Amino acid sequence: MRWLDRHVTLFSGSLRTLLQRESDRRRYVGSPYAWLFQPYMGEEQVALACYTSNGEYPAVSVAAVVLNQRHVQTSRAWVATIANTRSADAATLRRQHRVYGTTVALSPNAENLGALAEFIGNRPLIGWQIDRSLDRLNSLFKEGLGFGLPNAQVDVAKLHYRQLRRLHPYVDESNDLGEALERWQLPAINSHGVLSDAAASALLYIRLQRETVTAQYYS
C-alpha cells in the first residue's frame, strides 16, 4: 500500500511487539477474531483518541473515527467510556463523561471489547502519540479478549515532527495537538472531548499526507 511505503518508519511498536502480534495471529487463526490479524488492503484508517482516569479502577474514554484520504467520517464513530461500572467511582465516570464528551459507560467485557474491535477491524490506526493512547486500552483488550489490538499504527505526532523538521530544521518540538493544528493552518479543537481529538488528529494526518506527496513530487 502506498501509505505504508511512505510511513513505515513511523509505525509504532518494537520488535517484541511485532513478534507478539505474529504469535497472536497464529493463536487466533481458527477464532472469530482471525480476520483482525489479516493485512488490510483498503484505503481507510481509524483515528483513535483515549484518555484514562487515575485511581484503583481507571476509566478509559475512547473515540474511534473512520477516515480516508479525503474525508474524516465523523458520522462513523465509536465513542464510549470503558470502565468496571460496578467498581469504578461514580464521580470518576461523571467526570469522564463531562470532560471527554462520552455519554455511554461500558464494562470491559468480551462483548463490548469485541464490538470495538469489530468497529476498528483490521484497518490501520492513527493517532496523536498513539502509543500513550493505546497503553491502557490494550491492557483491557488483553484482559478481556486475550490479545492487544494487532492493527498497524501510525503516530501522527511523529509524522508532524518529521514534516516540520524538513521545513524548519531547528524548530522546537511540542507535545500539544492544538499547536500542531495551528502550524498547519487547520481549525482549532473546539472542545477537549475524545471525539474532537480523534477527528483533529485525523484532519492533521490527511493534511500531512498531502504535504508528503507534495514534497516527494518536488524532490
N, C-alpha and C. Protein backbone atom coordinates (compact mmCIF):
# COMPACT_ATOMS: atom_id res chain seq x y z
N MET A 1 0.84 -1.19 0.00
CA MET A 1 0.00 0.00 0.00
C MET A 1 0.87 1.24 0.00
N ARG A 2 0.43 2.29 -0.67
CA ARG A 2 1.25 3.49 -0.83
C ARG A 2 1.55 4.16 0.50
N TRP A 3 0.50 4.29 1.36
CA TRP A 3 0.72 4.98 2.63
C TRP A 3 1.69 4.20 3.50
N LEU A 4 1.69 2.86 3.39
CA LEU A 4 2.61 2.04 4.16
C LEU A 4 4.04 2.27 3.70
N ASP A 5 4.25 2.34 2.38
CA ASP A 5 5.58 2.59 1.86
C ASP A 5 6.14 3.92 2.35
N ARG A 6 5.25 4.93 2.46
CA ARG A 6 5.71 6.26 2.85
C ARG A 6 6.02 6.36 4.32
N HIS A 7 5.28 5.62 5.17
CA HIS A 7 5.37 5.86 6.59
C HIS A 7 5.84 4.67 7.40
N VAL A 8 6.51 3.73 6.77
CA VAL A 8 6.90 2.52 7.50
C VAL A 8 7.77 2.86 8.70
N THR A 9 8.61 3.93 8.62
CA THR A 9 9.48 4.27 9.73
C THR A 9 8.73 4.93 10.87
N LEU A 10 7.47 5.31 10.65
CA LEU A 10 6.69 5.98 11.69
C LEU A 10 5.84 5.00 12.48
N PHE A 11 5.85 3.76 12.10
CA PHE A 11 4.99 2.79 12.77
C PHE A 11 5.44 2.58 14.20
N SER A 12 4.45 2.51 15.07
CA SER A 12 4.73 2.30 16.48
C SER A 12 4.99 0.82 16.73
N GLY A 13 5.79 0.55 17.74
CA GLY A 13 5.97 -0.83 18.14
C GLY A 13 7.39 -1.31 18.00
N SER A 14 7.85 -2.03 19.00
CA SER A 14 9.18 -2.60 18.99
C SER A 14 9.14 -3.96 18.30
N LEU A 15 10.32 -4.54 18.12
CA LEU A 15 10.39 -5.89 17.55
C LEU A 15 9.64 -6.86 18.43
N ARG A 16 9.71 -6.67 19.75
CA ARG A 16 8.97 -7.55 20.66
C ARG A 16 7.48 -7.46 20.40
N THR A 17 6.97 -6.22 20.15
CA THR A 17 5.55 -6.05 19.86
C THR A 17 5.16 -6.76 18.58
N LEU A 18 6.00 -6.63 17.55
CA LEU A 18 5.70 -7.28 16.28
C LEU A 18 5.68 -8.80 16.42
N LEU A 19 6.61 -9.33 17.19
CA LEU A 19 6.65 -10.77 17.41
C LEU A 19 5.41 -11.23 18.18
N GLN A 20 4.97 -10.40 19.14
CA GLN A 20 3.77 -10.74 19.90
C GLN A 20 2.55 -10.77 18.99
N ARG A 21 2.47 -9.79 18.07
CA ARG A 21 1.35 -9.76 17.13
C ARG A 21 1.34 -11.01 16.26
N GLU A 22 2.51 -11.45 15.83
CA GLU A 22 2.58 -12.64 14.98
C GLU A 22 2.18 -13.87 15.78
N SER A 23 2.59 -13.93 17.04
CA SER A 23 2.21 -15.05 17.89
C SER A 23 0.70 -15.07 18.09
N ASP A 24 0.10 -13.90 18.32
CA ASP A 24 -1.36 -13.82 18.50
C ASP A 24 -2.08 -14.22 17.21
N ARG A 25 -1.53 -13.79 16.09
CA ARG A 25 -2.16 -14.13 14.80
C ARG A 25 -2.25 -15.64 14.63
N ARG A 26 -1.19 -16.35 14.96
CA ARG A 26 -1.18 -17.80 14.83
C ARG A 26 -2.14 -18.44 15.83
N ARG A 27 -2.19 -17.86 17.04
CA ARG A 27 -3.03 -18.43 18.10
C ARG A 27 -4.51 -18.30 17.79
N TYR A 28 -4.89 -17.24 17.06
CA TYR A 28 -6.31 -16.97 16.83
C TYR A 28 -6.75 -17.30 15.40
N VAL A 29 -5.97 -18.13 14.72
CA VAL A 29 -6.30 -18.49 13.34
C VAL A 29 -7.71 -19.04 13.21
N GLY A 30 -8.13 -19.91 14.11
CA GLY A 30 -9.45 -20.54 13.99
C GLY A 30 -10.55 -19.84 14.76
N SER A 31 -10.28 -18.62 15.26
CA SER A 31 -11.26 -17.93 16.09
C SER A 31 -12.04 -16.90 15.28
N PRO A 32 -13.14 -16.37 15.84
CA PRO A 32 -13.88 -15.31 15.15
C PRO A 32 -13.07 -14.04 14.97
N TYR A 33 -11.93 -13.93 15.67
CA TYR A 33 -11.12 -12.72 15.56
C TYR A 33 -9.97 -12.87 14.56
N ALA A 34 -9.91 -13.98 13.87
CA ALA A 34 -8.79 -14.23 12.97
C ALA A 34 -8.64 -13.14 11.92
N TRP A 35 -9.75 -12.61 11.42
CA TRP A 35 -9.68 -11.62 10.34
C TRP A 35 -9.02 -10.32 10.79
N LEU A 36 -9.04 -10.04 12.10
CA LEU A 36 -8.41 -8.82 12.59
C LEU A 36 -6.90 -8.82 12.37
N PHE A 37 -6.32 -10.00 12.24
CA PHE A 37 -4.88 -10.13 12.10
C PHE A 37 -4.43 -10.17 10.63
N GLN A 38 -5.38 -10.10 9.71
CA GLN A 38 -5.05 -10.14 8.29
C GLN A 38 -4.68 -8.75 7.78
N PRO A 39 -3.80 -8.66 6.79
CA PRO A 39 -3.41 -7.35 6.24
C PRO A 39 -4.62 -6.63 5.66
N TYR A 40 -4.67 -5.34 5.86
CA TYR A 40 -5.77 -4.52 5.32
C TYR A 40 -5.36 -4.01 3.94
N MET A 41 -6.26 -4.16 2.97
CA MET A 41 -5.95 -3.79 1.59
C MET A 41 -6.75 -2.58 1.10
N GLY A 42 -7.50 -1.94 1.98
CA GLY A 42 -8.33 -0.82 1.56
C GLY A 42 -7.64 0.52 1.73
N GLU A 43 -8.43 1.59 1.68
CA GLU A 43 -7.90 2.95 1.74
C GLU A 43 -8.38 3.71 2.97
N GLU A 44 -8.96 3.01 3.94
CA GLU A 44 -9.44 3.68 5.15
C GLU A 44 -8.48 3.46 6.31
N GLN A 45 -8.53 4.39 7.25
CA GLN A 45 -7.85 4.24 8.52
C GLN A 45 -8.85 4.56 9.63
N VAL A 46 -8.44 4.34 10.86
CA VAL A 46 -9.26 4.70 12.02
C VAL A 46 -8.42 5.57 12.94
N ALA A 47 -8.91 6.79 13.20
CA ALA A 47 -8.24 7.68 14.14
C ALA A 47 -8.73 7.36 15.55
N LEU A 48 -7.78 7.25 16.47
CA LEU A 48 -8.12 6.83 17.83
C LEU A 48 -7.62 7.86 18.83
N ALA A 49 -8.46 8.16 19.81
CA ALA A 49 -8.06 9.00 20.95
C ALA A 49 -8.56 8.33 22.22
N CYS A 50 -7.72 8.30 23.25
CA CYS A 50 -8.09 7.67 24.53
C CYS A 50 -7.57 8.52 25.69
N TYR A 51 -8.36 8.61 26.74
CA TYR A 51 -7.95 9.28 27.97
C TYR A 51 -8.32 8.41 29.15
N THR A 52 -7.37 8.19 30.04
CA THR A 52 -7.55 7.28 31.16
C THR A 52 -7.55 8.05 32.47
N SER A 53 -8.51 7.75 33.34
CA SER A 53 -8.57 8.39 34.65
C SER A 53 -7.56 7.73 35.58
N ASN A 54 -7.29 8.38 36.70
CA ASN A 54 -6.45 7.80 37.73
C ASN A 54 -7.32 7.01 38.70
N GLY A 55 -6.68 6.32 39.60
CA GLY A 55 -7.43 5.60 40.62
C GLY A 55 -7.28 4.10 40.51
N GLU A 56 -7.84 3.41 41.50
CA GLU A 56 -7.73 1.95 41.57
C GLU A 56 -8.48 1.29 40.42
N TYR A 57 -9.59 1.88 40.00
CA TYR A 57 -10.38 1.33 38.90
C TYR A 57 -10.47 2.38 37.79
N PRO A 58 -9.43 2.50 36.98
CA PRO A 58 -9.41 3.56 35.97
C PRO A 58 -10.47 3.37 34.90
N ALA A 59 -10.96 4.50 34.42
CA ALA A 59 -11.92 4.50 33.31
C ALA A 59 -11.19 5.01 32.06
N VAL A 60 -11.49 4.41 30.91
CA VAL A 60 -10.85 4.79 29.65
C VAL A 60 -11.91 5.32 28.70
N SER A 61 -11.82 6.61 28.40
CA SER A 61 -12.73 7.21 27.42
C SER A 61 -12.10 7.09 26.04
N VAL A 62 -12.86 6.55 25.09
CA VAL A 62 -12.32 6.18 23.78
C VAL A 62 -13.19 6.77 22.67
N ALA A 63 -12.52 7.26 21.62
CA ALA A 63 -13.22 7.61 20.38
C ALA A 63 -12.43 7.04 19.22
N ALA A 64 -13.14 6.39 18.32
CA ALA A 64 -12.54 5.84 17.09
C ALA A 64 -13.34 6.38 15.91
N VAL A 65 -12.66 7.01 14.96
CA VAL A 65 -13.31 7.67 13.83
C VAL A 65 -12.71 7.17 12.53
N VAL A 66 -13.56 6.83 11.58
CA VAL A 66 -13.10 6.34 10.27
C VAL A 66 -12.72 7.53 9.39
N LEU A 67 -11.62 7.37 8.66
CA LEU A 67 -11.21 8.39 7.68
C LEU A 67 -10.65 7.72 6.44
N ASN A 68 -10.63 8.47 5.35
CA ASN A 68 -9.93 8.03 4.14
C ASN A 68 -8.99 9.15 3.72
N GLN A 69 -8.50 9.10 2.49
CA GLN A 69 -7.51 10.07 2.05
C GLN A 69 -8.08 11.47 1.89
N ARG A 70 -9.40 11.60 1.88
CA ARG A 70 -10.01 12.91 1.62
C ARG A 70 -10.90 13.40 2.75
N HIS A 71 -11.52 12.50 3.52
CA HIS A 71 -12.54 12.92 4.47
C HIS A 71 -12.38 12.24 5.82
N VAL A 72 -12.78 12.97 6.86
CA VAL A 72 -12.95 12.40 8.19
C VAL A 72 -14.43 12.13 8.36
N GLN A 73 -14.79 10.89 8.55
CA GLN A 73 -16.20 10.49 8.56
C GLN A 73 -16.71 10.43 10.00
N THR A 74 -16.97 11.64 10.56
CA THR A 74 -17.40 11.69 11.95
C THR A 74 -18.74 11.00 12.18
N SER A 75 -19.50 10.77 11.11
CA SER A 75 -20.75 10.02 11.25
C SER A 75 -20.47 8.54 11.52
N ARG A 76 -19.24 8.11 11.24
CA ARG A 76 -18.83 6.74 11.52
C ARG A 76 -17.85 6.78 12.69
N ALA A 77 -18.38 6.82 13.88
CA ALA A 77 -17.54 6.95 15.07
C ALA A 77 -18.04 6.01 16.17
N TRP A 78 -17.11 5.56 16.99
CA TRP A 78 -17.40 4.74 18.17
C TRP A 78 -16.89 5.52 19.38
N VAL A 79 -17.79 5.89 20.26
CA VAL A 79 -17.42 6.74 21.40
C VAL A 79 -18.02 6.17 22.68
N ALA A 80 -17.21 5.94 23.68
CA ALA A 80 -17.71 5.42 24.96
C ALA A 80 -16.62 5.52 26.01
N THR A 81 -17.03 5.40 27.26
CA THR A 81 -16.09 5.22 28.37
C THR A 81 -16.15 3.77 28.80
N ILE A 82 -14.98 3.14 28.84
CA ILE A 82 -14.89 1.74 29.24
C ILE A 82 -14.40 1.68 30.68
N ALA A 83 -15.20 1.09 31.54
CA ALA A 83 -14.85 1.03 32.96
C ALA A 83 -15.62 -0.09 33.63
N ASN A 84 -15.05 -0.58 34.71
CA ASN A 84 -15.77 -1.54 35.53
C ASN A 84 -16.87 -0.78 36.25
N THR A 85 -18.06 -0.80 35.69
CA THR A 85 -19.15 0.05 36.19
C THR A 85 -19.60 -0.35 37.60
N ARG A 86 -19.26 -1.53 38.05
CA ARG A 86 -19.62 -1.95 39.41
C ARG A 86 -18.63 -1.43 40.44
N SER A 87 -17.37 -1.25 39.99
CA SER A 87 -16.33 -0.86 40.95
C SER A 87 -15.89 0.59 40.80
N ALA A 88 -15.97 1.13 39.60
CA ALA A 88 -15.47 2.49 39.36
C ALA A 88 -16.28 3.51 40.15
N ASP A 89 -15.59 4.52 40.61
CA ASP A 89 -16.25 5.59 41.36
C ASP A 89 -17.22 6.34 40.46
N ALA A 90 -18.44 6.58 40.95
CA ALA A 90 -19.45 7.26 40.14
C ALA A 90 -19.00 8.66 39.74
N ALA A 91 -18.29 9.35 40.64
CA ALA A 91 -17.80 10.69 40.32
C ALA A 91 -16.79 10.65 39.18
N THR A 92 -15.97 9.60 39.14
CA THR A 92 -15.00 9.45 38.06
C THR A 92 -15.70 9.29 36.73
N LEU A 93 -16.74 8.46 36.71
CA LEU A 93 -17.48 8.26 35.47
C LEU A 93 -18.15 9.55 35.02
N ARG A 94 -18.72 10.30 35.97
CA ARG A 94 -19.36 11.56 35.61
C ARG A 94 -18.33 12.54 35.03
N ARG A 95 -17.15 12.54 35.63
CA ARG A 95 -16.10 13.44 35.13
C ARG A 95 -15.66 13.04 33.73
N GLN A 96 -15.50 11.74 33.50
CA GLN A 96 -15.12 11.28 32.16
C GLN A 96 -16.15 11.72 31.13
N HIS A 97 -17.42 11.56 31.48
CA HIS A 97 -18.49 11.97 30.56
C HIS A 97 -18.44 13.47 30.31
N ARG A 98 -18.25 14.24 31.38
CA ARG A 98 -18.30 15.70 31.26
C ARG A 98 -17.08 16.23 30.50
N VAL A 99 -15.90 15.78 30.88
CA VAL A 99 -14.66 16.32 30.31
C VAL A 99 -14.40 15.79 28.92
N TYR A 100 -14.67 14.51 28.68
CA TYR A 100 -14.28 13.90 27.41
C TYR A 100 -15.45 13.63 26.47
N GLY A 101 -16.64 14.07 26.86
CA GLY A 101 -17.76 14.06 25.93
C GLY A 101 -18.35 12.71 25.62
N THR A 102 -18.22 11.76 26.52
CA THR A 102 -18.84 10.46 26.31
C THR A 102 -20.19 10.43 27.03
N THR A 103 -21.09 9.63 26.53
CA THR A 103 -22.42 9.51 27.14
C THR A 103 -22.73 8.08 27.54
N VAL A 104 -21.87 7.14 27.18
CA VAL A 104 -22.10 5.73 27.44
C VAL A 104 -20.95 5.17 28.25
N ALA A 105 -21.25 4.38 29.28
CA ALA A 105 -20.24 3.67 30.06
C ALA A 105 -20.43 2.17 29.83
N LEU A 106 -19.37 1.51 29.40
CA LEU A 106 -19.43 0.09 29.09
C LEU A 106 -18.44 -0.68 29.94
N SER A 107 -18.85 -1.84 30.41
CA SER A 107 -17.94 -2.72 31.14
C SER A 107 -16.91 -3.30 30.17
N PRO A 108 -15.69 -3.56 30.64
CA PRO A 108 -14.65 -4.10 29.77
C PRO A 108 -14.77 -5.61 29.59
N ASN A 109 -15.96 -6.06 29.17
CA ASN A 109 -16.14 -7.50 28.96
C ASN A 109 -15.88 -7.84 27.49
N ALA A 110 -15.88 -9.13 27.20
CA ALA A 110 -15.55 -9.58 25.85
C ALA A 110 -16.52 -9.05 24.81
N GLU A 111 -17.79 -8.93 25.18
CA GLU A 111 -18.79 -8.45 24.21
C GLU A 111 -18.53 -7.00 23.81
N ASN A 112 -18.29 -6.15 24.79
CA ASN A 112 -18.08 -4.73 24.49
C ASN A 112 -16.74 -4.48 23.80
N LEU A 113 -15.70 -5.15 24.27
CA LEU A 113 -14.41 -5.00 23.62
C LEU A 113 -14.43 -5.60 22.22
N GLY A 114 -15.16 -6.69 22.06
CA GLY A 114 -15.31 -7.28 20.72
C GLY A 114 -16.02 -6.34 19.77
N ALA A 115 -17.00 -5.57 20.29
CA ALA A 115 -17.70 -4.60 19.44
C ALA A 115 -16.77 -3.50 18.97
N LEU A 116 -15.89 -3.03 19.86
CA LEU A 116 -14.90 -2.01 19.46
C LEU A 116 -13.91 -2.59 18.46
N ALA A 117 -13.45 -3.81 18.71
CA ALA A 117 -12.51 -4.45 17.78
C ALA A 117 -13.15 -4.63 16.41
N GLU A 118 -14.42 -4.99 16.38
CA GLU A 118 -15.11 -5.17 15.10
C GLU A 118 -15.27 -3.84 14.38
N PHE A 119 -15.53 -2.77 15.13
CA PHE A 119 -15.65 -1.45 14.51
C PHE A 119 -14.33 -1.03 13.87
N ILE A 120 -13.24 -1.22 14.60
CA ILE A 120 -11.93 -0.86 14.07
C ILE A 120 -11.53 -1.78 12.93
N GLY A 121 -11.85 -3.06 13.08
CA GLY A 121 -11.48 -4.04 12.07
C GLY A 121 -9.98 -4.20 11.98
N ASN A 122 -9.50 -4.48 10.77
CA ASN A 122 -8.05 -4.61 10.58
C ASN A 122 -7.46 -3.38 9.90
N ARG A 123 -8.22 -2.26 9.94
CA ARG A 123 -7.73 -1.02 9.36
C ARG A 123 -6.59 -0.45 10.22
N PRO A 124 -5.65 0.25 9.60
CA PRO A 124 -4.58 0.87 10.38
C PRO A 124 -5.13 1.91 11.34
N LEU A 125 -4.48 2.02 12.49
CA LEU A 125 -4.84 3.02 13.49
C LEU A 125 -3.89 4.21 13.39
N ILE A 126 -4.45 5.42 13.44
CA ILE A 126 -3.61 6.61 13.51
C ILE A 126 -4.04 7.41 14.73
N GLY A 127 -3.12 8.18 15.27
CA GLY A 127 -3.47 8.98 16.43
C GLY A 127 -2.30 9.81 16.90
N TRP A 128 -2.59 10.85 17.65
CA TRP A 128 -1.56 11.71 18.21
C TRP A 128 -0.94 11.00 19.41
N GLN A 129 0.37 10.74 19.33
CA GLN A 129 1.07 9.98 20.37
C GLN A 129 0.30 8.70 20.69
N ILE A 130 0.12 7.88 19.68
CA ILE A 130 -0.79 6.74 19.77
C ILE A 130 -0.33 5.68 20.76
N ASP A 131 0.97 5.57 20.97
CA ASP A 131 1.46 4.60 21.96
C ASP A 131 0.86 4.88 23.33
N ARG A 132 0.86 6.16 23.71
CA ARG A 132 0.31 6.54 25.01
C ARG A 132 -1.19 6.28 25.06
N SER A 133 -1.88 6.57 23.95
CA SER A 133 -3.32 6.36 23.90
C SER A 133 -3.69 4.89 24.07
N LEU A 134 -2.88 4.02 23.49
CA LEU A 134 -3.23 2.60 23.45
C LEU A 134 -2.79 1.83 24.68
N ASP A 135 -1.98 2.44 25.52
CA ASP A 135 -1.38 1.69 26.63
C ASP A 135 -2.43 0.99 27.49
N ARG A 136 -3.35 1.75 28.07
CA ARG A 136 -4.36 1.17 28.95
C ARG A 136 -5.40 0.38 28.15
N LEU A 137 -5.76 0.89 26.97
CA LEU A 137 -6.76 0.20 26.16
C LEU A 137 -6.29 -1.20 25.78
N ASN A 138 -5.04 -1.32 25.40
CA ASN A 138 -4.52 -2.64 25.06
C ASN A 138 -4.50 -3.57 26.27
N SER A 139 -4.28 -3.00 27.45
CA SER A 139 -4.33 -3.83 28.66
C SER A 139 -5.73 -4.41 28.85
N LEU A 140 -6.75 -3.58 28.59
CA LEU A 140 -8.13 -4.07 28.70
C LEU A 140 -8.40 -5.16 27.66
N PHE A 141 -7.90 -4.96 26.45
CA PHE A 141 -8.10 -5.97 25.41
C PHE A 141 -7.43 -7.29 25.79
N LYS A 142 -6.23 -7.21 26.34
CA LYS A 142 -5.53 -8.43 26.71
C LYS A 142 -6.26 -9.16 27.84
N GLU A 143 -6.82 -8.38 28.77
CA GLU A 143 -7.58 -8.99 29.87
C GLU A 143 -8.90 -9.58 29.39
N GLY A 144 -9.57 -8.89 28.46
CA GLY A 144 -10.90 -9.32 28.04
C GLY A 144 -10.94 -10.28 26.87
N LEU A 145 -10.00 -10.10 25.93
CA LEU A 145 -10.02 -10.93 24.71
C LEU A 145 -8.77 -11.79 24.55
N GLY A 146 -7.74 -11.49 25.31
CA GLY A 146 -6.52 -12.30 25.23
C GLY A 146 -5.46 -11.73 24.32
N PHE A 147 -5.73 -10.61 23.65
CA PHE A 147 -4.73 -10.02 22.76
C PHE A 147 -4.90 -8.50 22.71
N GLY A 148 -3.80 -7.81 22.44
CA GLY A 148 -3.87 -6.37 22.19
C GLY A 148 -4.25 -6.12 20.75
N LEU A 149 -4.68 -4.90 20.47
CA LEU A 149 -5.06 -4.57 19.09
C LEU A 149 -3.88 -4.82 18.16
N PRO A 150 -4.07 -5.67 17.13
CA PRO A 150 -2.95 -6.04 16.27
C PRO A 150 -2.73 -5.10 15.09
N ASN A 151 -3.52 -4.04 15.00
CA ASN A 151 -3.51 -3.17 13.82
C ASN A 151 -2.18 -2.44 13.65
N ALA A 152 -1.82 -2.21 12.39
CA ALA A 152 -0.71 -1.31 12.10
C ALA A 152 -1.05 0.06 12.68
N GLN A 153 -0.04 0.78 13.13
CA GLN A 153 -0.26 2.06 13.80
C GLN A 153 0.68 3.13 13.26
N VAL A 154 0.15 4.32 13.06
CA VAL A 154 0.97 5.46 12.66
C VAL A 154 0.79 6.57 13.68
N ASP A 155 1.89 7.06 14.22
CA ASP A 155 1.86 8.14 15.19
C ASP A 155 1.86 9.47 14.44
N VAL A 156 0.75 10.20 14.51
CA VAL A 156 0.63 11.48 13.80
C VAL A 156 1.62 12.49 14.35
N ALA A 157 1.93 12.41 15.64
CA ALA A 157 2.90 13.34 16.23
C ALA A 157 4.27 13.17 15.56
N LYS A 158 4.71 11.93 15.36
CA LYS A 158 6.00 11.69 14.71
C LYS A 158 5.98 12.17 13.27
N LEU A 159 4.88 11.95 12.60
CA LEU A 159 4.75 12.42 11.21
C LEU A 159 4.82 13.95 11.17
N HIS A 160 4.14 14.60 12.11
CA HIS A 160 4.16 16.06 12.21
C HIS A 160 5.58 16.57 12.43
N TYR A 161 6.30 15.96 13.38
CA TYR A 161 7.65 16.42 13.68
C TYR A 161 8.57 16.23 12.48
N ARG A 162 8.42 15.13 11.78
CA ARG A 162 9.28 14.87 10.63
C ARG A 162 9.05 15.92 9.54
N GLN A 163 7.79 16.22 9.24
CA GLN A 163 7.49 17.22 8.23
C GLN A 163 7.92 18.61 8.67
N LEU A 164 7.77 18.91 9.96
CA LEU A 164 8.14 20.22 10.48
C LEU A 164 9.64 20.42 10.40
N ARG A 165 10.40 19.38 10.76
CA ARG A 165 11.85 19.50 10.69
C ARG A 165 12.35 19.62 9.26
N ARG A 166 11.62 19.06 8.32
CA ARG A 166 12.01 19.22 6.91
C ARG A 166 11.93 20.68 6.49
N LEU A 167 10.93 21.39 7.00
CA LEU A 167 10.75 22.80 6.65
C LEU A 167 11.54 23.74 7.57
N HIS A 168 11.64 23.37 8.84
CA HIS A 168 12.30 24.21 9.84
C HIS A 168 13.20 23.31 10.70
N PRO A 169 14.44 23.07 10.26
CA PRO A 169 15.30 22.08 10.91
C PRO A 169 15.54 22.32 12.40
N TYR A 170 15.44 23.57 12.87
CA TYR A 170 15.80 23.86 14.26
C TYR A 170 14.58 24.20 15.12
N VAL A 171 13.41 23.86 14.63
CA VAL A 171 12.20 24.17 15.38
C VAL A 171 12.11 23.29 16.62
N ASP A 172 11.58 23.85 17.71
CA ASP A 172 11.38 23.08 18.93
C ASP A 172 10.15 22.19 18.80
N GLU A 173 10.25 20.99 19.33
CA GLU A 173 9.12 20.07 19.29
C GLU A 173 8.14 20.40 20.41
N SER A 174 6.87 20.15 20.15
CA SER A 174 5.83 20.36 21.15
C SER A 174 4.94 19.14 21.20
N ASN A 175 4.43 18.82 22.39
CA ASN A 175 3.54 17.68 22.56
C ASN A 175 2.07 18.06 22.42
N ASP A 176 1.80 19.30 22.03
CA ASP A 176 0.45 19.81 22.00
C ASP A 176 -0.19 19.65 20.62
N LEU A 177 -1.30 18.93 20.55
CA LEU A 177 -2.00 18.73 19.29
C LEU A 177 -2.54 20.06 18.75
N GLY A 178 -3.02 20.92 19.63
CA GLY A 178 -3.55 22.21 19.19
C GLY A 178 -2.50 23.04 18.48
N GLU A 179 -1.25 23.04 18.99
CA GLU A 179 -0.18 23.78 18.34
C GLU A 179 0.14 23.19 16.96
N ALA A 180 0.07 21.87 16.86
CA ALA A 180 0.32 21.23 15.56
C ALA A 180 -0.74 21.64 14.54
N LEU A 181 -2.00 21.68 14.98
CA LEU A 181 -3.07 22.11 14.07
C LEU A 181 -2.84 23.54 13.60
N GLU A 182 -2.42 24.40 14.51
CA GLU A 182 -2.16 25.80 14.15
C GLU A 182 -1.00 25.90 13.16
N ARG A 183 0.04 25.10 13.37
CA ARG A 183 1.21 25.11 12.47
C ARG A 183 0.81 24.83 11.03
N TRP A 184 -0.16 23.93 10.87
CA TRP A 184 -0.57 23.52 9.52
C TRP A 184 -1.87 24.18 9.08
N GLN A 185 -2.21 25.27 9.78
CA GLN A 185 -3.36 26.10 9.42
C GLN A 185 -4.66 25.30 9.32
N LEU A 186 -4.87 24.48 10.35
CA LEU A 186 -6.09 23.69 10.45
C LEU A 186 -6.96 24.26 11.57
N PRO A 187 -8.26 24.01 11.52
CA PRO A 187 -9.16 24.54 12.56
C PRO A 187 -8.76 24.07 13.96
N ALA A 188 -8.88 24.97 14.91
CA ALA A 188 -8.58 24.62 16.30
C ALA A 188 -9.62 23.65 16.84
N ILE A 189 -9.23 22.90 17.87
CA ILE A 189 -10.16 21.99 18.53
C ILE A 189 -11.15 22.80 19.35
N ASN A 190 -12.43 22.60 19.11
CA ASN A 190 -13.46 23.36 19.82
C ASN A 190 -13.67 22.88 21.24
N SER A 191 -13.42 21.61 21.47
CA SER A 191 -13.56 21.05 22.81
C SER A 191 -12.47 20.00 22.99
N HIS A 192 -12.33 19.52 24.22
CA HIS A 192 -11.28 18.54 24.51
C HIS A 192 -11.85 17.14 24.69
N GLY A 193 -12.97 16.87 24.07
CA GLY A 193 -13.53 15.54 24.12
C GLY A 193 -12.73 14.57 23.26
N VAL A 194 -12.92 13.28 23.51
CA VAL A 194 -12.18 12.28 22.75
C VAL A 194 -12.55 12.31 21.27
N LEU A 195 -13.82 12.55 20.95
CA LEU A 195 -14.22 12.59 19.55
C LEU A 195 -13.57 13.77 18.84
N SER A 196 -13.51 14.92 19.49
CA SER A 196 -12.86 16.10 18.90
C SER A 196 -11.38 15.83 18.65
N ASP A 197 -10.70 15.19 19.61
CA ASP A 197 -9.28 14.92 19.45
C ASP A 197 -9.02 13.88 18.37
N ALA A 198 -9.87 12.86 18.29
CA ALA A 198 -9.70 11.86 17.24
C ALA A 198 -9.91 12.48 15.86
N ALA A 199 -10.94 13.32 15.72
CA ALA A 199 -11.20 13.98 14.45
C ALA A 199 -10.08 14.94 14.09
N ALA A 200 -9.54 15.65 15.09
CA ALA A 200 -8.45 16.59 14.84
C ALA A 200 -7.19 15.87 14.37
N SER A 201 -6.86 14.75 15.01
CA SER A 201 -5.68 14.00 14.58
C SER A 201 -5.88 13.42 13.18
N ALA A 202 -7.13 13.08 12.85
CA ALA A 202 -7.42 12.59 11.50
C ALA A 202 -7.22 13.69 10.46
N LEU A 203 -7.73 14.89 10.76
CA LEU A 203 -7.54 16.02 9.84
C LEU A 203 -6.06 16.34 9.65
N LEU A 204 -5.32 16.32 10.75
CA LEU A 204 -3.89 16.59 10.67
C LEU A 204 -3.19 15.53 9.85
N TYR A 205 -3.57 14.28 10.02
CA TYR A 205 -2.98 13.20 9.24
C TYR A 205 -3.21 13.39 7.75
N ILE A 206 -4.44 13.73 7.36
CA ILE A 206 -4.74 13.96 5.96
C ILE A 206 -3.91 15.12 5.41
N ARG A 207 -3.79 16.19 6.19
CA ARG A 207 -3.00 17.36 5.78
C ARG A 207 -1.55 16.98 5.59
N LEU A 208 -0.99 16.20 6.50
CA LEU A 208 0.41 15.80 6.41
C LEU A 208 0.65 14.82 5.28
N GLN A 209 -0.35 14.00 4.98
CA GLN A 209 -0.24 13.11 3.83
C GLN A 209 -0.07 13.93 2.55
N ARG A 210 -0.85 14.98 2.41
CA ARG A 210 -0.74 15.83 1.23
C ARG A 210 0.61 16.52 1.18
N GLU A 211 1.11 16.92 2.34
CA GLU A 211 2.42 17.55 2.41
C GLU A 211 3.50 16.59 1.97
N THR A 212 3.37 15.33 2.35
CA THR A 212 4.34 14.31 1.96
C THR A 212 4.34 14.10 0.45
N VAL A 213 3.15 14.02 -0.13
CA VAL A 213 3.04 13.83 -1.58
C VAL A 213 3.67 15.01 -2.31
N THR A 214 3.42 16.24 -1.83
CA THR A 214 3.99 17.43 -2.46
C THR A 214 5.51 17.42 -2.38
N ALA A 215 6.04 17.05 -1.21
CA ALA A 215 7.49 17.01 -1.03
C ALA A 215 8.13 15.98 -1.94
N GLN A 216 7.48 14.82 -2.10
CA GLN A 216 8.03 13.79 -2.97
C GLN A 216 7.97 14.23 -4.44
N TYR A 217 6.94 14.99 -4.78
CA TYR A 217 6.80 15.45 -6.16
C TYR A 217 7.93 16.40 -6.54
N TYR A 218 8.33 17.24 -5.60
CA TYR A 218 9.36 18.25 -5.89
C TYR A 218 10.77 17.79 -5.53
N SER A 219 10.88 16.61 -4.98
CA SER A 219 12.22 16.12 -4.61
C SER A 219 12.95 15.53 -5.81
